Amino acid sequence: MQSKVEICGVNTSKLKVLTNAETMNLLRRTKEGDKSARDELVNGNLRLVLSVLQKFSNRGENPDDLFQVGCIGLMKAIDNFDLNLDVKFSTYGVPMIIGEIRRYLRDNSPIRVSRSVRDTA
């Protein structure tokens, strides 16, 4: 298994961690269509994806695959975040990342369990 700081060829220890003000500024610029701001926002939150990913490390899945799926959740969170809400981006982003990883695990599981059966368990 790869070290915790390098996953999918990305050395996350060298990535800048964004402050809340920087994140909000980048989100504002992203909503206006600035692609470089979106890239910077994604790169600045890869550690967030990595921290969420550690909750799923015992599932027997390839960590690189889960990291990529988590990044999809991060991008969905960036696209859908409402700047008018008075919350930190991570408060919105973490559940989106978790949801995307859970969806991937559910869809790629060899055993299918319907939601009604799972809810009664």
PDB file of N, CA and C in Angstrom:
ATOM      1  N   MET A   1       0.836  -1.197   0.000  1.00  0.00           N
ATOM      2  CA  MET A   1       0.000   0.000   0.000  1.00  0.00           C
ATOM      3  C   MET A   1       0.871   1.247   0.000  1.00  0.00           C
ATOM      4  N   GLN A   2       0.393   2.300  -0.616  1.00  0.00           N
ATOM      5  CA  GLN A   2       1.151   3.531  -0.700  1.00  0.00           C
ATOM      6  C   GLN A   2       1.110   4.265   0.625  1.00  0.00           C
ATOM      7  N   SER A   3       2.060   5.194   0.795  1.00  0.00           N
ATOM      8  CA  SER A   3       2.068   5.976   2.022  1.00  0.00           C
ATOM      9  C   SER A   3       0.845   6.890   2.046  1.00  0.00           C
ATOM     10  N   LYS A   4       0.547   7.407   3.216  1.00  0.00           N
ATOM     11  CA  LYS A   4      -0.646   8.225   3.355  1.00  0.00           C
ATOM     12  C   LYS A   4      -0.529   9.558   2.639  1.00  0.00           C
ATOM     13  N   VAL A   5       0.697  10.040   2.434  1.00  0.00           N
ATOM     14  CA  VAL A   5       0.828  11.352   1.818  1.00  0.00           C
ATOM     15  C   VAL A   5       0.867  11.290   0.304  1.00  0.00           C
ATOM     16  N   GLU A   6       1.163  10.119  -0.284  1.00  0.00           N
ATOM     17  CA  GLU A   6       1.171  10.016  -1.741  1.00  0.00           C
ATOM     18  C   GLU A   6       0.121   9.012  -2.182  1.00  0.00           C
ATOM     19  N   ILE A   7      -0.805   9.509  -2.953  1.00  0.00           N
ATOM     20  CA  ILE A   7      -1.868   8.657  -3.455  1.00  0.00           C
ATOM     21  C   ILE A   7      -2.205   9.129  -4.865  1.00  0.00           C
ATOM     22  N   CYS A   8      -2.381   8.200  -5.761  1.00  0.00           N
ATOM     23  CA  CYS A   8      -2.629   8.503  -7.169  1.00  0.00           C
ATOM     24  C   CYS A   8      -1.530   9.385  -7.758  1.00  0.00           C
ATOM     25  N   GLY A   9      -0.318   9.224  -7.256  1.00  0.00           N
ATOM     26  CA  GLY A   9       0.801  10.014  -7.763  1.00  0.00           C
ATOM     27  C   GLY A   9       0.823  11.441  -7.276  1.00  0.00           C
ATOM     28  N   VAL A  10      -0.051  11.788  -6.335  1.00  0.00           N
ATOM     29  CA  VAL A  10      -0.112  13.143  -5.797  1.00  0.00           C
ATOM     30  C   VAL A  10       0.498  13.140  -4.406  1.00  0.00           C
ATOM     31  N   ASN A  11       1.514  13.961  -4.199  1.00  0.00           N
ATOM     32  CA  ASN A  11       2.123  14.082  -2.881  1.00  0.00           C
ATOM     33  C   ASN A  11       1.333  15.130  -2.103  1.00  0.00           C
ATOM     34  N   THR A  12       0.421  14.679  -1.278  1.00  0.00           N
ATOM     35  CA  THR A  12      -0.480  15.586  -0.583  1.00  0.00           C
ATOM     36  C   THR A  12       0.207  16.375   0.527  1.00  0.00           C
ATOM     37  N   SER A  13       1.391  15.945   0.961  1.00  0.00           N
ATOM     38  CA  SER A  13       2.085  16.683   2.015  1.00  0.00           C
ATOM     39  C   SER A  13       2.591  18.029   1.510  1.00  0.00           C
ATOM     40  N   LYS A  14       2.744  18.170   0.188  1.00  0.00           N
ATOM     41  CA  LYS A  14       3.256  19.416  -0.378  1.00  0.00           C
ATOM     42  C   LYS A  14       2.138  20.349  -0.846  1.00  0.00           C
ATOM     43  N   LEU A  15       0.908  19.922  -0.683  1.00  0.00           N
ATOM     44  CA  LEU A  15      -0.209  20.755  -1.121  1.00  0.00           C
ATOM     45  C   LEU A  15      -0.533  21.818  -0.082  1.00  0.00           C
ATOM     46  N   LYS A  16      -0.881  22.982  -0.568  1.00  0.00           N
ATOM     47  CA  LYS A  16      -1.250  24.086   0.309  1.00  0.00           C
ATOM     48  C   LYS A  16      -2.635  23.831   0.897  1.00  0.00           C
ATOM     49  N   VAL A  17      -2.784  24.121   2.174  1.00  0.00           N
ATOM     50  CA  VAL A  17      -4.090  24.046   2.824  1.00  0.00           C
ATOM     51  C   VAL A  17      -4.691  25.444   2.793  1.00  0.00           C
ATOM     52  N   LEU A  18      -5.888  25.541   2.269  1.00  0.00           N
ATOM     53  CA  LEU A  18      -6.540  26.836   2.100  1.00  0.00           C
ATOM     54  C   LEU A  18      -7.210  27.304   3.387  1.00  0.00           C
ATOM     55  N   THR A  19      -7.162  28.598   3.632  1.00  0.00           N
ATOM     56  CA  THR A  19      -7.920  29.169   4.737  1.00  0.00           C
ATOM     57  C   THR A  19      -9.375  29.291   4.303  1.00  0.00           C
ATOM     58  N   ASN A  20     -10.251  29.556   5.250  1.00  0.00           N
ATOM     59  CA  ASN A  20     -11.669  29.705   4.921  1.00  0.00           C
ATOM     60  C   ASN A  20     -11.882  30.890   3.981  1.00  0.00           C
ATOM     61  N   ALA A  21     -11.165  31.991   4.203  1.00  0.00           N
ATOM     62  CA  ALA A  21     -11.313  33.168   3.350  1.00  0.00           C
ATOM     63  C   ALA A  21     -10.837  32.867   1.929  1.00  0.00           C
ATOM     64  N   GLU A  22      -9.706  32.158   1.806  1.00  0.00           N
ATOM     65  CA  GLU A  22      -9.207  31.791   0.477  1.00  0.00           C
ATOM     66  C   GLU A  22     -10.196  30.875  -0.235  1.00  0.00           C
ATOM     67  N   THR A  23     -10.755  29.935   0.511  1.00  0.00           N
ATOM     68  CA  THR A  23     -11.719  29.008  -0.076  1.00  0.00           C
ATOM     69  C   THR A  23     -12.938  29.754  -0.598  1.00  0.00           C
ATOM     70  N   MET A  24     -13.472  30.670   0.193  1.00  0.00           N
ATOM     71  CA  MET A  24     -14.654  31.423  -0.233  1.00  0.00           C
ATOM     72  C   MET A  24     -14.350  32.291  -1.453  1.00  0.00           C
ATOM     73  N   ASN A  25     -13.166  32.894  -1.471  1.00  0.00           N
ATOM     74  CA  ASN A  25     -12.766  33.706  -2.621  1.00  0.00           C
ATOM     75  C   ASN A  25     -12.664  32.839  -3.878  1.00  0.00           C
ATOM     76  N   LEU A  26     -12.040  31.666  -3.747  1.00  0.00           N
ATOM     77  CA  LEU A  26     -11.910  30.757  -4.894  1.00  0.00           C
ATOM     78  C   LEU A  26     -13.274  30.240  -5.347  1.00  0.00           C
ATOM     79  N   LEU A  27     -14.160  29.958  -4.395  1.00  0.00           N
ATOM     80  CA  LEU A  27     -15.514  29.518  -4.753  1.00  0.00           C
ATOM     81  C   LEU A  27     -16.246  30.608  -5.527  1.00  0.00           C
ATOM     82  N   ARG A  28     -16.093  31.847  -5.082  1.00  0.00           N
ATOM     83  CA  ARG A  28     -16.737  32.972  -5.765  1.00  0.00           C
ATOM     84  C   ARG A  28     -16.213  33.084  -7.202  1.00  0.00           C
ATOM     85  N   ARG A  29     -14.885  32.989  -7.353  1.00  0.00           N
ATOM     86  CA  ARG A  29     -14.289  33.064  -8.688  1.00  0.00           C
ATOM     87  C   ARG A  29     -14.703  31.874  -9.556  1.00  0.00           C
ATOM     88  N   THR A  30     -14.836  30.694  -8.933  1.00  0.00           N
ATOM     89  CA  THR A  30     -15.256  29.499  -9.667  1.00  0.00           C
ATOM     90  C   THR A  30     -16.668  29.667 -10.188  1.00  0.00           C
ATOM     91  N   LYS A  31     -17.556  30.230  -9.368  1.00  0.00           N
ATOM     92  CA  LYS A  31     -18.950  30.451  -9.786  1.00  0.00           C
ATOM     93  C   LYS A  31     -19.023  31.428 -10.960  1.00  0.00           C
ATOM     94  N   GLU A  32     -18.006  32.306 -11.076  1.00  0.00           N
ATOM     95  CA  GLU A  32     -17.954  33.261 -12.179  1.00  0.00           C
ATOM     96  C   GLU A  32     -17.320  32.655 -13.434  1.00  0.00           C
ATOM     97  N   GLY A  33     -16.869  31.388 -13.328  1.00  0.00           N
ATOM     98  CA  GLY A  33     -16.339  30.700 -14.496  1.00  0.00           C
ATOM     99  C   GLY A  33     -14.822  30.612 -14.581  1.00  0.00           C
ATOM    100  N   ASP A  34     -14.113  30.963 -13.531  1.00  0.00           N
ATOM    101  CA  ASP A  34     -12.647  30.925 -13.528  1.00  0.00           C
ATOM    102  C   ASP A  34     -12.163  29.490 -13.321  1.00  0.00           C
ATOM    103  N   LYS A  35     -11.637  28.870 -14.386  1.00  0.00           N
ATOM    104  CA  LYS A  35     -11.185  27.468 -14.331  1.00  0.00           C
ATOM    105  C   LYS A  35      -9.942  27.309 -13.460  1.00  0.00           C
ATOM    106  N   SER A  36      -9.045  28.280 -13.468  1.00  0.00           N
ATOM    107  CA  SER A  36      -7.833  28.174 -12.649  1.00  0.00           C
ATOM    108  C   SER A  36      -8.180  28.230 -11.158  1.00  0.00           C
ATOM    109  N   ALA A  37      -9.204  29.000 -10.805  1.00  0.00           N
ATOM    110  CA  ALA A  37      -9.640  29.055  -9.410  1.00  0.00           C
ATOM    111  C   ALA A  37     -10.221  27.703  -8.994  1.00  0.00           C
ATOM    112  N   ARG A  38     -10.941  27.063  -9.908  1.00  0.00           N
ATOM    113  CA  ARG A  38     -11.513  25.733  -9.613  1.00  0.00           C
ATOM    114  C   ARG A  38     -10.397  24.708  -9.394  1.00  0.00           C
ATOM    115  N   ASP A  39      -9.381  24.761 -10.256  1.00  0.00           N
ATOM    116  CA  ASP A  39      -8.243  23.844 -10.106  1.00  0.00           C
ATOM    117  C   ASP A  39      -7.538  24.059  -8.770  1.00  0.00           C
ATOM    118  N   GLU A  40      -7.334  25.323  -8.409  1.00  0.00           N
ATOM    119  CA  GLU A  40      -6.682  25.639  -7.142  1.00  0.00           C
ATOM    120  C   GLU A  40      -7.535  25.180  -5.957  1.00  0.00           C
ATOM    121  N   LEU A  41      -8.834  25.326  -6.091  1.00  0.00           N
ATOM    122  CA  LEU A  41      -9.760  24.889  -5.045  1.00  0.00           C
ATOM    123  C   LEU A  41      -9.730  23.371  -4.877  1.00  0.00           C
ATOM    124  N   VAL A  42      -9.705  22.643  -5.976  1.00  0.00           N
ATOM    125  CA  VAL A  42      -9.614  21.182  -5.910  1.00  0.00           C
ATOM    126  C   VAL A  42      -8.298  20.777  -5.260  1.00  0.00           C
ATOM    127  N   ASN A  43      -7.185  21.349  -5.730  1.00  0.00           N
ATOM    128  CA  ASN A  43      -5.876  21.005  -5.173  1.00  0.00           C
ATOM    129  C   ASN A  43      -5.765  21.371  -3.698  1.00  0.00           C
ATOM    130  N   GLY A  44      -6.399  22.460  -3.300  1.00  0.00           N
ATOM    131  CA  GLY A  44      -6.356  22.893  -1.908  1.00  0.00           C
ATOM    132  C   GLY A  44      -7.207  22.045  -0.980  1.00  0.00           C
ATOM    133  N   ASN A  45      -8.064  21.191  -1.547  1.00  0.00           N
ATOM    134  CA  ASN A  45      -8.940  20.356  -0.720  1.00  0.00           C
ATOM    135  C   ASN A  45      -8.678  18.866  -0.884  1.00  0.00           C
ATOM    136  N   LEU A  46      -7.581  18.501  -1.529  1.00  0.00           N
ATOM    137  CA  LEU A  46      -7.255  17.084  -1.686  1.00  0.00           C
ATOM    138  C   LEU A  46      -6.974  16.421  -0.344  1.00  0.00           C
ATOM    139  N   ARG A  47      -6.434  17.177   0.592  1.00  0.00           N
ATOM    140  CA  ARG A  47      -6.214  16.608   1.929  1.00  0.00           C
ATOM    141  C   ARG A  47      -7.537  16.302   2.624  1.00  0.00           C
ATOM    142  N   LEU A  48      -8.556  17.090   2.325  1.00  0.00           N
ATOM    143  CA  LEU A  48      -9.894  16.819   2.864  1.00  0.00           C
ATOM    144  C   LEU A  48     -10.391  15.476   2.352  1.00  0.00           C
ATOM    145  N   VAL A  49     -10.192  15.222   1.065  1.00  0.00           N
ATOM    146  CA  VAL A  49     -10.586  13.936   0.479  1.00  0.00           C
ATOM    147  C   VAL A  49      -9.799  12.814   1.145  1.00  0.00           C
ATOM    148  N   LEU A  50      -8.516  13.024   1.341  1.00  0.00           N
ATOM    149  CA  LEU A  50      -7.667  12.014   1.952  1.00  0.00           C
ATOM    150  C   LEU A  50      -8.105  11.706   3.385  1.00  0.00           C
ATOM    151  N   SER A  51      -8.510  12.728   4.135  1.00  0.00           N
ATOM    152  CA  SER A  51      -8.957  12.493   5.512  1.00  0.00           C
ATOM    153  C   SER A  51     -10.260  11.704   5.550  1.00  0.00           C
ATOM    154  N   VAL A  52     -11.160  11.985   4.613  1.00  0.00           N
ATOM    155  CA  VAL A  52     -12.420  11.233   4.530  1.00  0.00           C
ATOM    156  C   VAL A  52     -12.134   9.799   4.103  1.00  0.00           C
ATOM    157  N   LEU A  53     -11.205   9.634   3.203  1.00  0.00           N
ATOM    158  CA  LEU A  53     -10.845   8.326   2.655  1.00  0.00           C
ATOM    159  C   LEU A  53     -10.376   7.357   3.746  1.00  0.00           C
ATOM    160  N   GLN A  54      -9.763   7.864   4.781  1.00  0.00           N
ATOM    161  CA  GLN A  54      -9.247   7.000   5.842  1.00  0.00           C
ATOM    162  C   GLN A  54     -10.368   6.261   6.579  1.00  0.00           C
ATOM    163  N   LYS A  55     -11.575   6.785   6.539  1.00  0.00           N
ATOM    164  CA  LYS A  55     -12.720   6.103   7.153  1.00  0.00           C
ATOM    165  C   LYS A  55     -13.094   4.833   6.393  1.00  0.00           C
ATOM    166  N   PHE A  56     -12.667   4.745   5.137  1.00  0.00           N
ATOM    167  CA  PHE A  56     -13.032   3.623   4.280  1.00  0.00           C
ATOM    168  C   PHE A  56     -11.841   2.724   3.965  1.00  0.00           C
ATOM    169  N   SER A  57     -10.768   2.851   4.715  1.00  0.00           N
ATOM    170  CA  SER A  57      -9.536   2.124   4.401  1.00  0.00           C
ATOM    171  C   SER A  57      -9.637   0.623   4.631  1.00  0.00           C
ATOM    172  N   ASN A  58     -10.599   0.176   5.420  1.00  0.00           N
ATOM    173  CA  ASN A  58     -10.711  -1.255   5.744  1.00  0.00           C
ATOM    174  C   ASN A  58     -11.696  -1.999   4.842  1.00  0.00           C
ATOM    175  N   ARG A  59     -12.069  -1.418   3.720  1.00  0.00           N
ATOM    176  CA  ARG A  59     -13.077  -2.031   2.846  1.00  0.00           C
ATOM    177  C   ARG A  59     -12.490  -2.969   1.800  1.00  0.00           C
ATOM    178  N   GLY A  60     -11.159  -3.048   1.711  1.00  0.00           N
ATOM    179  CA  GLY A  60     -10.540  -3.927   0.734  1.00  0.00           C
ATOM    180  C   GLY A  60     -10.531  -3.367  -0.681  1.00  0.00           C
ATOM    181  N   GLU A  61     -10.878  -2.120  -0.822  1.00  0.00           N
ATOM    182  CA  GLU A  61     -10.874  -1.470  -2.138  1.00  0.00           C
ATOM    183  C   GLU A  61      -9.520  -0.812  -2.368  1.00  0.00           C
ATOM    184  N   ASN A  62      -9.187  -0.620  -3.628  1.00  0.00           N
ATOM    185  CA  ASN A  62      -7.958   0.075  -3.980  1.00  0.00           C
ATOM    186  C   ASN A  62      -8.058   1.528  -3.506  1.00  0.00           C
ATOM    187  N   PRO A  63      -7.113   1.996  -2.682  1.00  0.00           N
ATOM    188  CA  PRO A  63      -7.190   3.373  -2.175  1.00  0.00           C
ATOM    189  C   PRO A  63      -7.151   4.419  -3.289  1.00  0.00           C
ATOM    190  N   ASP A  64      -6.441   4.118  -4.372  1.00  0.00           N
ATOM    191  CA  ASP A  64      -6.404   5.064  -5.493  1.00  0.00           C
ATOM    192  C   ASP A  64      -7.792   5.242  -6.106  1.00  0.00           C
ATOM    193  N   ASP A  65      -8.528   4.146  -6.231  1.00  0.00           N
ATOM    194  CA  ASP A  65      -9.886   4.226  -6.773  1.00  0.00           C
ATOM    195  C   ASP A  65     -10.787   5.052  -5.860  1.00  0.00           C
ATOM    196  N   LEU A  66     -10.699   4.788  -4.558  1.00  0.00           N
ATOM    197  CA  LEU A  66     -11.525   5.537  -3.607  1.00  0.00           C
ATOM    198  C   LEU A  66     -11.147   7.022  -3.601  1.00  0.00           C
ATOM    199  N   PHE A  67      -9.854   7.306  -3.751  1.00  0.00           N
ATOM    200  CA  PHE A  67      -9.396   8.699  -3.799  1.00  0.00           C
ATOM    201  C   PHE A  67     -10.003   9.403  -5.012  1.00  0.00           C
ATOM    202  N   GLN A  68      -9.992   8.731  -6.151  1.00  0.00           N
ATOM    203  CA  GLN A  68     -10.559   9.325  -7.361  1.00  0.00           C
ATOM    204  C   GLN A  68     -12.062   9.564  -7.207  1.00  0.00           C
ATOM    205  N   VAL A  69     -12.754   8.595  -6.618  1.00  0.00           N
ATOM    206  CA  VAL A  69     -14.195   8.751  -6.386  1.00  0.00           C
ATOM    207  C   VAL A  69     -14.444   9.899  -5.404  1.00  0.00           C
ATOM    208  N   GLY A  70     -13.604   9.993  -4.380  1.00  0.00           N
ATOM    209  CA  GLY A  70     -13.716  11.102  -3.432  1.00  0.00           C
ATOM    210  C   GLY A  70     -13.509  12.450  -4.110  1.00  0.00           C
ATOM    211  N   CYS A  71     -12.593  12.498  -5.071  1.00  0.00           N
ATOM    212  CA  CYS A  71     -12.357  13.732  -5.823  1.00  0.00           C
ATOM    213  C   CYS A  71     -13.576  14.109  -6.663  1.00  0.00           C
ATOM    214  N   ILE A  72     -14.278  13.111  -7.178  1.00  0.00           N
ATOM    215  CA  ILE A  72     -15.520  13.386  -7.904  1.00  0.00           C
ATOM    216  C   ILE A  72     -16.526  14.032  -6.953  1.00  0.00           C
ATOM    217  N   GLY A  73     -16.632  13.489  -5.737  1.00  0.00           N
ATOM    218  CA  GLY A  73     -17.516  14.088  -4.729  1.00  0.00           C
ATOM    219  C   GLY A  73     -17.104  15.506  -4.391  1.00  0.00           C
ATOM    220  N   LEU A  74     -15.795  15.752  -4.299  1.00  0.00           N
ATOM    221  CA  LEU A  74     -15.283  17.104  -4.029  1.00  0.00           C
ATOM    222  C   LEU A  74     -15.696  18.061  -5.142  1.00  0.00           C
ATOM    223  N   MET A  75     -15.566  17.628  -6.387  1.00  0.00           N
ATOM    224  CA  MET A  75     -15.931  18.495  -7.512  1.00  0.00           C
ATOM    225  C   MET A  75     -17.436  18.765  -7.545  1.00  0.00           C
ATOM    226  N   LYS A  76     -18.223  17.756  -7.195  1.00  0.00           N
ATOM    227  CA  LYS A  76     -19.667  17.977  -7.110  1.00  0.00           C
ATOM    228  C   LYS A  76     -19.986  18.989  -6.009  1.00  0.00           C
ATOM    229  N   ALA A  77     -19.269  18.891  -4.888  1.00  0.00           N
ATOM    230  CA  ALA A  77     -19.486  19.830  -3.789  1.00  0.00           C
ATOM    231  C   ALA A  77     -19.123  21.255  -4.217  1.00  0.00           C
ATOM    232  N   ILE A  78     -18.022  21.388  -4.961  1.00  0.00           N
ATOM    233  CA  ILE A  78     -17.619  22.708  -5.447  1.00  0.00           C
ATOM    234  C   ILE A  78     -18.691  23.273  -6.374  1.00  0.00           C
ATOM    235  N   ASP A  79     -19.198  22.448  -7.268  1.00  0.00           N
ATOM    236  CA  ASP A  79     -20.197  22.911  -8.239  1.00  0.00           C
ATOM    237  C   ASP A  79     -21.533  23.265  -7.591  1.00  0.00           C
ATOM    238  N   ASN A  80     -21.883  22.581  -6.510  1.00  0.00           N
ATOM    239  CA  ASN A  80     -23.216  22.754  -5.915  1.00  0.00           C
ATOM    240  C   ASN A  80     -23.232  23.612  -4.655  1.00  0.00           C
ATOM    241  N   PHE A  81     -22.073  24.047  -4.174  1.00  0.00           N
ATOM    242  CA  PHE A  81     -22.021  24.819  -2.931  1.00  0.00           C
ATOM    243  C   PHE A  81     -22.697  26.174  -3.111  1.00  0.00           C
ATOM    244  N   ASP A  82     -23.517  26.542  -2.142  1.00  0.00           N
ATOM    245  CA  ASP A  82     -24.224  27.820  -2.173  1.00  0.00           C
ATOM    246  C   ASP A  82     -23.462  28.820  -1.308  1.00  0.00           C
ATOM    247  N   LEU A  83     -22.924  29.846  -1.942  1.00  0.00           N
ATOM    248  CA  LEU A  83     -22.139  30.855  -1.224  1.00  0.00           C
ATOM    249  C   LEU A  83     -22.988  31.684  -0.256  1.00  0.00           C
ATOM    250  N   ASN A  84     -24.301  31.671  -0.430  1.00  0.00           N
ATOM    251  CA  ASN A  84     -25.172  32.449   0.451  1.00  0.00           C
ATOM    252  C   ASN A  84     -25.333  31.807   1.820  1.00  0.00           C
ATOM    253  N   LEU A  85     -24.995  30.511   1.909  1.00  0.00           N
ATOM    254  CA  LEU A  85     -25.081  29.837   3.200  1.00  0.00           C
ATOM    255  C   LEU A  85     -23.914  30.269   4.064  1.00  0.00           C
ATOM    256  N   ASP A  86     -24.155  30.396   5.336  1.00  0.00           N
ATOM    257  CA  ASP A  86     -23.104  30.832   6.255  1.00  0.00           C
ATOM    258  C   ASP A  86     -22.445  29.616   6.897  1.00  0.00           C
ATOM    259  N   VAL A  87     -21.851  28.753   6.052  1.00  0.00           N
ATOM    260  CA  VAL A  87     -21.158  27.554   6.540  1.00  0.00           C
ATOM    261  C   VAL A  87     -19.815  27.436   5.839  1.00  0.00           C
ATOM    262  N   LYS A  88     -18.907  26.715   6.500  1.00  0.00           N
ATOM    263  CA  LYS A  88     -17.617  26.448   5.873  1.00  0.00           C
ATOM    264  C   LYS A  88     -17.813  25.448   4.740  1.00  0.00           C
ATOM    265  N   PHE A  89     -16.949  25.525   3.738  1.00  0.00           N
ATOM    266  CA  PHE A  89     -17.052  24.619   2.606  1.00  0.00           C
ATOM    267  C   PHE A  89     -16.892  23.167   3.037  1.00  0.00           C
ATOM    268  N   SER A  90     -16.000  22.911   3.978  1.00  0.00           N
ATOM    269  CA  SER A  90     -15.756  21.527   4.406  1.00  0.00           C
ATOM    270  C   SER A  90     -17.000  20.910   5.041  1.00  0.00           C
ATOM    271  N   THR A  91     -17.831  21.724   5.682  1.00  0.00           N
ATOM    272  CA  THR A  91     -19.067  21.238   6.283  1.00  0.00           C
ATOM    273  C   THR A  91     -19.996  20.674   5.208  1.00  0.00           C
ATOM    274  N   TYR A  92     -19.968  21.274   4.037  1.00  0.00           N
ATOM    275  CA  TYR A  92     -20.773  20.809   2.915  1.00  0.00           C
ATOM    276  C   TYR A  92     -20.038  19.727   2.127  1.00  0.00           C
ATOM    277  N   GLY A  93     -18.742  19.877   1.987  1.00  0.00           N
ATOM    278  CA  GLY A  93     -17.959  18.987   1.143  1.00  0.00           C
ATOM    279  C   GLY A  93     -17.809  17.579   1.682  1.00  0.00           C
ATOM    280  N   VAL A  94     -17.586  17.439   2.986  1.00  0.00           N
ATOM    281  CA  VAL A  94     -17.351  16.111   3.565  1.00  0.00           C
ATOM    282  C   VAL A  94     -18.525  15.162   3.321  1.00  0.00           C
ATOM    283  N   PRO A  95     -19.770  15.543   3.595  1.00  0.00           N
ATOM    284  CA  PRO A  95     -20.876  14.617   3.301  1.00  0.00           C
ATOM    285  C   PRO A  95     -21.005  14.279   1.814  1.00  0.00           C
ATOM    286  N   MET A  96     -20.668  15.219   0.933  1.00  0.00           N
ATOM    287  CA  MET A  96     -20.718  14.940  -0.505  1.00  0.00           C
ATOM    288  C   MET A  96     -19.665  13.904  -0.888  1.00  0.00           C
ATOM    289  N   ILE A  97     -18.473  14.032  -0.313  1.00  0.00           N
ATOM    290  CA  ILE A  97     -17.387  13.088  -0.583  1.00  0.00           C
ATOM    291  C   ILE A  97     -17.751  11.713  -0.045  1.00  0.00           C
ATOM    292  N   ILE A  98     -18.258  11.669   1.189  1.00  0.00           N
ATOM    293  CA  ILE A  98     -18.669  10.400   1.801  1.00  0.00           C
ATOM    294  C   ILE A  98     -19.772   9.750   0.963  1.00  0.00           C
ATOM    295  N   GLY A  99     -20.741  10.538   0.531  1.00  0.00           N
ATOM    296  CA  GLY A  99     -21.845  10.009  -0.266  1.00  0.00           C
ATOM    297  C   GLY A  99     -21.374   9.409  -1.573  1.00  0.00           C
ATOM    298  N   GLU A 100     -20.435  10.064  -2.209  1.00  0.00           N
ATOM    299  CA  GLU A 100     -19.925   9.557  -3.491  1.00  0.00           C
ATOM    300  C   GLU A 100     -19.161   8.247  -3.281  1.00  0.00           C
ATOM    301  N   ILE A 101     -18.369   8.171  -2.209  1.00  0.00           N
ATOM    302  CA  ILE A 101     -17.629   6.937  -1.919  1.00  0.00           C
ATOM    303  C   ILE A 101     -18.593   5.814  -1.560  1.00  0.00           C
ATOM    304  N   ARG A 102     -19.601   6.100  -0.757  1.00  0.00           N
ATOM    305  CA  ARG A 102     -20.591   5.074  -0.402  1.00  0.00           C
ATOM    306  C   ARG A 102     -21.343   4.576  -1.630  1.00  0.00           C
ATOM    307  N   ARG A 103     -21.687   5.479  -2.532  1.00  0.00           N
ATOM    308  CA  ARG A 103     -22.371   5.091  -3.764  1.00  0.00           C
ATOM    309  C   ARG A 103     -21.475   4.159  -4.580  1.00  0.00           C
ATOM    310  N   TYR A 104     -20.201   4.489  -4.673  1.00  0.00           N
ATOM    311  CA  TYR A 104     -19.256   3.648  -5.410  1.00  0.00           C
ATOM    312  C   TYR A 104     -19.164   2.263  -4.768  1.00  0.00           C
ATOM    313  N   LEU A 105     -19.035   2.221  -3.447  1.00  0.00           N
ATOM    314  CA  LEU A 105     -18.932   0.932  -2.752  1.00  0.00           C
ATOM    315  C   LEU A 105     -20.205   0.114  -2.924  1.00  0.00           C
ATOM    316  N   ARG A 106     -21.357   0.768  -2.855  1.00  0.00           N
ATOM    317  CA  ARG A 106     -22.633   0.074  -3.015  1.00  0.00           C
ATOM    318  C   ARG A 106     -22.787  -0.460  -4.436  1.00  0.00           C
ATOM    319  N   ASP A 107     -22.453   0.360  -5.418  1.00  0.00           N
ATOM    320  CA  ASP A 107     -22.633  -0.039  -6.817  1.00  0.00           C
ATOM    321  C   ASP A 107     -21.634  -1.097  -7.260  1.00  0.00           C
ATOM    322  N   ASN A 108     -20.479  -1.165  -6.625  1.00  0.00           N
ATOM    323  CA  ASN A 108     -19.448  -2.124  -7.020  1.00  0.00           C
ATOM    324  C   ASN A 108     -19.351  -3.317  -6.084  1.00  0.00           C
ATOM    325  N   SER A 109     -20.289  -3.455  -5.202  1.00  0.00           N
ATOM    326  CA  SER A 109     -20.307  -4.586  -4.289  1.00  0.00           C
ATOM    327  C   SER A 109     -20.818  -5.825  -5.020  1.00  0.00           C
ATOM    328  N   PRO A 110     -20.207  -6.988  -4.758  1.00  0.00           N
ATOM    329  CA  PRO A 110     -20.691  -8.202  -5.417  1.00  0.00           C
ATOM    330  C   PRO A 110     -22.057  -8.653  -4.895  1.00  0.00           C
ATOM    331  N   ILE A 111     -22.442  -8.162  -3.719  1.00  0.00           N
ATOM    332  CA  ILE A 111     -23.732  -8.530  -3.127  1.00  0.00           C
ATOM    333  C   ILE A 111     -24.646  -7.316  -3.154  1.00  0.00           C
ATOM    334  N   ARG A 112     -25.811  -7.473  -3.737  1.00  0.00           N
ATOM    335  CA  ARG A 112     -26.780  -6.383  -3.817  1.00  0.00           C
ATOM    336  C   ARG A 112     -27.825  -6.563  -2.717  1.00  0.00           C
ATOM    337  N   VAL A 113     -27.984  -5.530  -1.916  1.00  0.00           N
ATOM    338  CA  VAL A 113     -29.000  -5.543  -0.865  1.00  0.00           C
ATOM    339  C   VAL A 113     -29.899  -4.345  -1.104  1.00  0.00           C
ATOM    340  N   SER A 114     -31.195  -4.599  -1.223  1.00  0.00           N
ATOM    341  CA  SER A 114     -32.113  -3.490  -1.482  1.00  0.00           C
ATOM    342  C   SER A 114     -32.149  -2.564  -0.271  1.00  0.00           C
ATOM    343  N   ARG A 115     -32.496  -1.339  -0.516  1.00  0.00           N
ATOM    344  CA  ARG A 115     -32.527  -0.363   0.576  1.00  0.00           C
ATOM    345  C   ARG A 115     -33.582  -0.716   1.617  1.00  0.00           C
ATOM    346  N   SER A 116     -34.715  -1.276   1.178  1.00  0.00           N
ATOM    347  CA  SER A 116     -35.763  -1.614   2.141  1.00  0.00           C
ATOM    348  C   SER A 116     -35.286  -2.710   3.090  1.00  0.00           C
ATOM    349  N   VAL A 117     -34.543  -3.681   2.573  1.00  0.00           N
ATOM    350  CA  VAL A 117     -34.011  -4.744   3.430  1.00  0.00           C
ATOM    351  C   VAL A 117     -32.935  -4.181   4.355  1.00  0.00           C
ATOM    352  N   ARG A 118     -32.082  -3.327   3.806  1.00  0.00           N
ATOM    353  CA  ARG A 118     -31.007  -2.745   4.606  1.00  0.00           C
ATOM    354  C   ARG A 118     -31.570  -1.848   5.707  1.00  0.00           C
ATOM    355  N   ASP A 119     -32.645  -1.134   5.419  1.00  0.00           N
ATOM    356  CA  ASP A 119     -33.246  -0.244   6.404  1.00  0.00           C
ATOM    357  C   ASP A 119     -33.890  -1.007   7.557  1.00  0.00           C
ATOM    358  N   THR A 120     -34.370  -2.210   7.304  1.00  0.00           N
ATOM    359  CA  THR A 120     -34.999  -2.982   8.372  1.00  0.00           C
ATOM    360  C   THR A 120     -33.968  -3.727   9.226  1.00  0.00           C
ATOM    361  N   ALA A 121     -32.748  -3.837   8.749  1.00  0.00           N
ATOM    362  CA  ALA A 121     -31.705  -4.569   9.490  1.00  0.00           C
ATOM    363  C   ALA A 121     -31.216  -3.799  10.686  1.00  0.00           C
TER     364      ALA A 121
END
